[in-house]
Amino acid sequence: MNDPLLNMLGIARRAGKLSIGYEAAADSVRRGKARLIVAAADLSKKTEKEIRYLIGHTPREGDTGGPPDPVQRVIRIPFDMKTMSKAIGAKAGILSVDDDGLAGAVCKRCPACGEDDAE
């Protein structure tokens, strides 16, 4: 793999700042660690909708209310699950990048980050 985006996801994995798969990403959102959600191009619309709902309805850990910690965005990358999984060394269609710097670096390398994907 020589794609800068896939390479950055691999770096995030090796740094221990990647939550892999829906349950791990959802847990990262609930704990306020998620900074960027990365979805493969062929991830189901239902799964993306579920994670977006969770992001919008999760209070901060320890808070009695209020908005969740900020997830910068949810992006779809131009790679399918098989390609993304090969790059990170684990099978997944959705990931959470759990570090501000790495989330920015991933986003900088993704054409989808130039689009407004807020709903």
C-alpha atoms as a PDB file:
ATOM      1  CA  MET A   1       0.000   0.000   0.000  1.00  0.00           C
ATOM      2  CA  ASN A   2       1.432   3.294  -1.008  1.00  0.00           C
ATOM      3  CA  ASP A   3      -1.584   5.500  -0.361  1.00  0.00           C
ATOM      4  CA  PRO A   4      -0.868   8.248   2.220  1.00  0.00           C
ATOM      5  CA  LEU A   5      -4.336   7.899   3.785  1.00  0.00           C
ATOM      6  CA  LEU A   6      -4.008   4.148   4.297  1.00  0.00           C
ATOM      7  CA  ASN A   7      -0.457   4.600   5.579  1.00  0.00           C
ATOM      8  CA  MET A   8      -1.698   7.128   8.163  1.00  0.00           C
ATOM      9  CA  LEU A   9      -4.394   4.719   9.336  1.00  0.00           C
ATOM     10  CA  GLY A  10      -1.661   2.107   9.782  1.00  0.00           C
ATOM     11  CA  ILE A  11       0.382   4.573  11.826  1.00  0.00           C
ATOM     12  CA  ALA A  12      -2.642   5.323  14.010  1.00  0.00           C
ATOM     13  CA  ARG A  13      -3.104   1.577  14.563  1.00  0.00           C
ATOM     14  CA  ARG A  14       0.514   1.090  15.570  1.00  0.00           C
ATOM     15  CA  ALA A  15       0.253   4.090  17.913  1.00  0.00           C
ATOM     16  CA  GLY A  16      -2.703   2.448  19.651  1.00  0.00           C
ATOM     17  CA  LYS A  17      -5.015   5.319  18.710  1.00  0.00           C
ATOM     18  CA  LEU A  18      -7.438   3.389  16.507  1.00  0.00           C
ATOM     19  CA  SER A  19     -10.640   1.716  17.693  1.00  0.00           C
ATOM     20  CA  ILE A  20     -11.437  -0.985  15.153  1.00  0.00           C
ATOM     21  CA  GLY A  21     -14.960  -2.116  14.290  1.00  0.00           C
ATOM     22  CA  TYR A  22     -18.394  -0.784  15.191  1.00  0.00           C
ATOM     23  CA  GLU A  23     -18.453  -1.828  18.845  1.00  0.00           C
ATOM     24  CA  ALA A  24     -14.969  -0.470  19.569  1.00  0.00           C
ATOM     25  CA  ALA A  25     -15.696   2.795  17.726  1.00  0.00           C
ATOM     26  CA  ALA A  26     -19.049   3.165  19.515  1.00  0.00           C
ATOM     27  CA  ASP A  27     -17.339   2.583  22.864  1.00  0.00           C
ATOM     28  CA  SER A  28     -14.752   5.216  21.966  1.00  0.00           C
ATOM     29  CA  VAL A  29     -17.573   7.681  21.188  1.00  0.00           C
ATOM     30  CA  ARG A  30     -19.306   6.865  24.505  1.00  0.00           C
ATOM     31  CA  ARG A  31     -16.068   7.412  26.449  1.00  0.00           C
ATOM     32  CA  GLY A  32     -15.396  10.704  24.672  1.00  0.00           C
ATOM     33  CA  LYS A  33     -12.168   9.494  23.049  1.00  0.00           C
ATOM     34  CA  ALA A  34     -13.251   9.467  19.387  1.00  0.00           C
ATOM     35  CA  ARG A  35     -12.050  12.392  17.319  1.00  0.00           C
ATOM     36  CA  LEU A  36     -12.711  11.062  13.809  1.00  0.00           C
ATOM     37  CA  ILE A  37     -14.877   8.233  12.530  1.00  0.00           C
ATOM     38  CA  VAL A  38     -13.597   6.602   9.339  1.00  0.00           C
ATOM     39  CA  ALA A  39     -15.998   4.509   7.277  1.00  0.00           C
ATOM     40  CA  ALA A  40     -15.067   2.306   4.336  1.00  0.00           C
ATOM     41  CA  ALA A  41     -16.687   3.122   0.998  1.00  0.00           C
ATOM     42  CA  ASP A  42     -18.803  -0.037   1.120  1.00  0.00           C
ATOM     43  CA  LEU A  43     -19.943   0.280   4.752  1.00  0.00           C
ATOM     44  CA  SER A  44     -23.728   0.062   4.988  1.00  0.00           C
ATOM     45  CA  LYS A  45     -25.674   3.315   5.241  1.00  0.00           C
ATOM     46  CA  LYS A  46     -27.443   1.832   8.286  1.00  0.00           C
ATOM     47  CA  THR A  47     -24.177   1.417  10.207  1.00  0.00           C
ATOM     48  CA  GLU A  48     -23.103   4.961   9.351  1.00  0.00           C
ATOM     49  CA  LYS A  49     -26.504   6.259  10.460  1.00  0.00           C
ATOM     50  CA  GLU A  50     -26.222   4.365  13.767  1.00  0.00           C
ATOM     51  CA  ILE A  51     -22.788   5.815  14.589  1.00  0.00           C
ATOM     52  CA  ARG A  52     -23.946   9.339  13.662  1.00  0.00           C
ATOM     53  CA  TYR A  53     -26.959   8.902  15.963  1.00  0.00           C
ATOM     54  CA  LEU A  54     -24.707   7.697  18.770  1.00  0.00           C
ATOM     55  CA  ILE A  55     -22.392  10.679  18.311  1.00  0.00           C
ATOM     56  CA  GLY A  56     -25.300  13.085  18.616  1.00  0.00           C
ATOM     57  CA  HIS A  57     -26.826  11.403  21.670  1.00  0.00           C
ATOM     58  CA  THR A  58     -23.912  10.460  23.928  1.00  0.00           C
ATOM     59  CA  PRO A  59     -23.248  12.612  27.003  1.00  0.00           C
ATOM     60  CA  ARG A  60     -19.691  13.012  28.244  1.00  0.00           C
ATOM     61  CA  GLU A  61     -18.510  10.382  30.677  1.00  0.00           C
ATOM     62  CA  GLY A  62     -19.096  11.673  34.209  1.00  0.00           C
ATOM     63  CA  ASP A  63     -21.479  14.406  33.067  1.00  0.00           C
ATOM     64  CA  THR A  64     -25.122  14.487  33.967  1.00  0.00           C
ATOM     65  CA  GLY A  65     -25.948  15.933  30.567  1.00  0.00           C
ATOM     66  CA  GLY A  66     -24.660  18.194  27.865  1.00  0.00           C
ATOM     67  CA  PRO A  67     -23.233  17.474  24.455  1.00  0.00           C
ATOM     68  CA  PRO A  68     -20.725  14.695  23.830  1.00  0.00           C
ATOM     69  CA  ASP A  69     -17.033  15.398  23.461  1.00  0.00           C
ATOM     70  CA  PRO A  70     -16.419  16.492  19.902  1.00  0.00           C
ATOM     71  CA  VAL A  71     -16.003  13.960  17.177  1.00  0.00           C
ATOM     72  CA  GLN A  72     -14.478  16.119  14.457  1.00  0.00           C
ATOM     73  CA  ARG A  73     -16.367  14.349  11.684  1.00  0.00           C
ATOM     74  CA  VAL A  74     -17.513  11.139  10.097  1.00  0.00           C
ATOM     75  CA  ILE A  75     -15.827  10.503   6.765  1.00  0.00           C
ATOM     76  CA  ARG A  76     -16.129   7.838   4.085  1.00  0.00           C
ATOM     77  CA  ILE A  77     -12.809   7.000   2.545  1.00  0.00           C
ATOM     78  CA  PRO A  78     -12.486   5.970  -1.107  1.00  0.00           C
ATOM     79  CA  PHE A  79     -11.449   2.408  -0.202  1.00  0.00           C
ATOM     80  CA  ASP A  80     -13.525  -0.687   0.444  1.00  0.00           C
ATOM     81  CA  MET A  81     -13.444  -2.721   3.669  1.00  0.00           C
ATOM     82  CA  LYS A  82     -11.010  -5.265   2.239  1.00  0.00           C
ATOM     83  CA  THR A  83      -8.455  -2.585   1.316  1.00  0.00           C
ATOM     84  CA  MET A  84      -8.873  -0.671   4.571  1.00  0.00           C
ATOM     85  CA  SER A  85      -8.605  -3.883   6.581  1.00  0.00           C
ATOM     86  CA  LYS A  86      -5.405  -4.865   4.804  1.00  0.00           C
ATOM     87  CA  ALA A  87      -3.891  -1.457   5.594  1.00  0.00           C
ATOM     88  CA  ILE A  88      -4.604  -1.679   9.329  1.00  0.00           C
ATOM     89  CA  GLY A  89      -4.108  -5.415   9.754  1.00  0.00           C
ATOM     90  CA  ALA A  90      -7.599  -6.138  11.077  1.00  0.00           C
ATOM     91  CA  LYS A  91     -10.986  -6.703   9.478  1.00  0.00           C
ATOM     92  CA  ALA A  92     -13.265  -3.680   9.871  1.00  0.00           C
ATOM     93  CA  GLY A  93     -15.533  -1.332   7.962  1.00  0.00           C
ATOM     94  CA  ILE A  94     -15.548   1.453  10.517  1.00  0.00           C
ATOM     95  CA  LEU A  95     -12.836   2.925  12.730  1.00  0.00           C
ATOM     96  CA  SER A  96     -12.428   5.616  15.329  1.00  0.00           C
ATOM     97  CA  VAL A  97      -9.258   7.696  15.409  1.00  0.00           C
ATOM     98  CA  ASP A  98      -8.800   8.576  19.084  1.00  0.00           C
ATOM     99  CA  ASP A  99      -6.178  11.333  18.927  1.00  0.00           C
ATOM    100  CA  ASP A 100      -6.549  14.925  17.716  1.00  0.00           C
ATOM    101  CA  GLY A 101      -3.224  15.043  15.886  1.00  0.00           C
ATOM    102  CA  LEU A 102      -3.690  11.727  14.121  1.00  0.00           C
ATOM    103  CA  ALA A 103      -7.302  12.582  13.263  1.00  0.00           C
ATOM    104  CA  GLY A 104      -6.070  15.779  11.622  1.00  0.00           C
ATOM    105  CA  ALA A 105      -3.352  13.893   9.756  1.00  0.00           C
ATOM    106  CA  VAL A 106      -5.849  11.311   8.459  1.00  0.00           C
ATOM    107  CA  CYS A 107      -8.297  14.011   7.444  1.00  0.00           C
ATOM    108  CA  LYS A 108      -5.570  15.988   5.671  1.00  0.00           C
ATOM    109  CA  ARG A 109      -4.891  12.974   3.453  1.00  0.00           C
ATOM    110  CA  CYS A 110      -8.539  12.222   2.644  1.00  0.00           C
ATOM    111  CA  PRO A 111     -10.402  13.868  -0.226  1.00  0.00           C
ATOM    112  CA  ALA A 112     -13.684  13.394   1.686  1.00  0.00           C
ATOM    113  CA  CYS A 113     -12.529  15.882   4.344  1.00  0.00           C
ATOM    114  CA  GLY A 114     -12.847  18.694   1.819  1.00  0.00           C
ATOM    115  CA  GLU A 115     -16.570  17.994   1.680  1.00  0.00           C
ATOM    116  CA  ASP A 116     -19.107  19.038   4.275  1.00  0.00           C
ATOM    117  CA  ASP A 117     -20.426  15.756   5.627  1.00  0.00           C
ATOM    118  CA  ALA A 118     -22.205  17.111   8.667  1.00  0.00           C
ATOM    119  CA  GLU A 119     -25.835  16.111   8.941  1.00  0.00           C
END
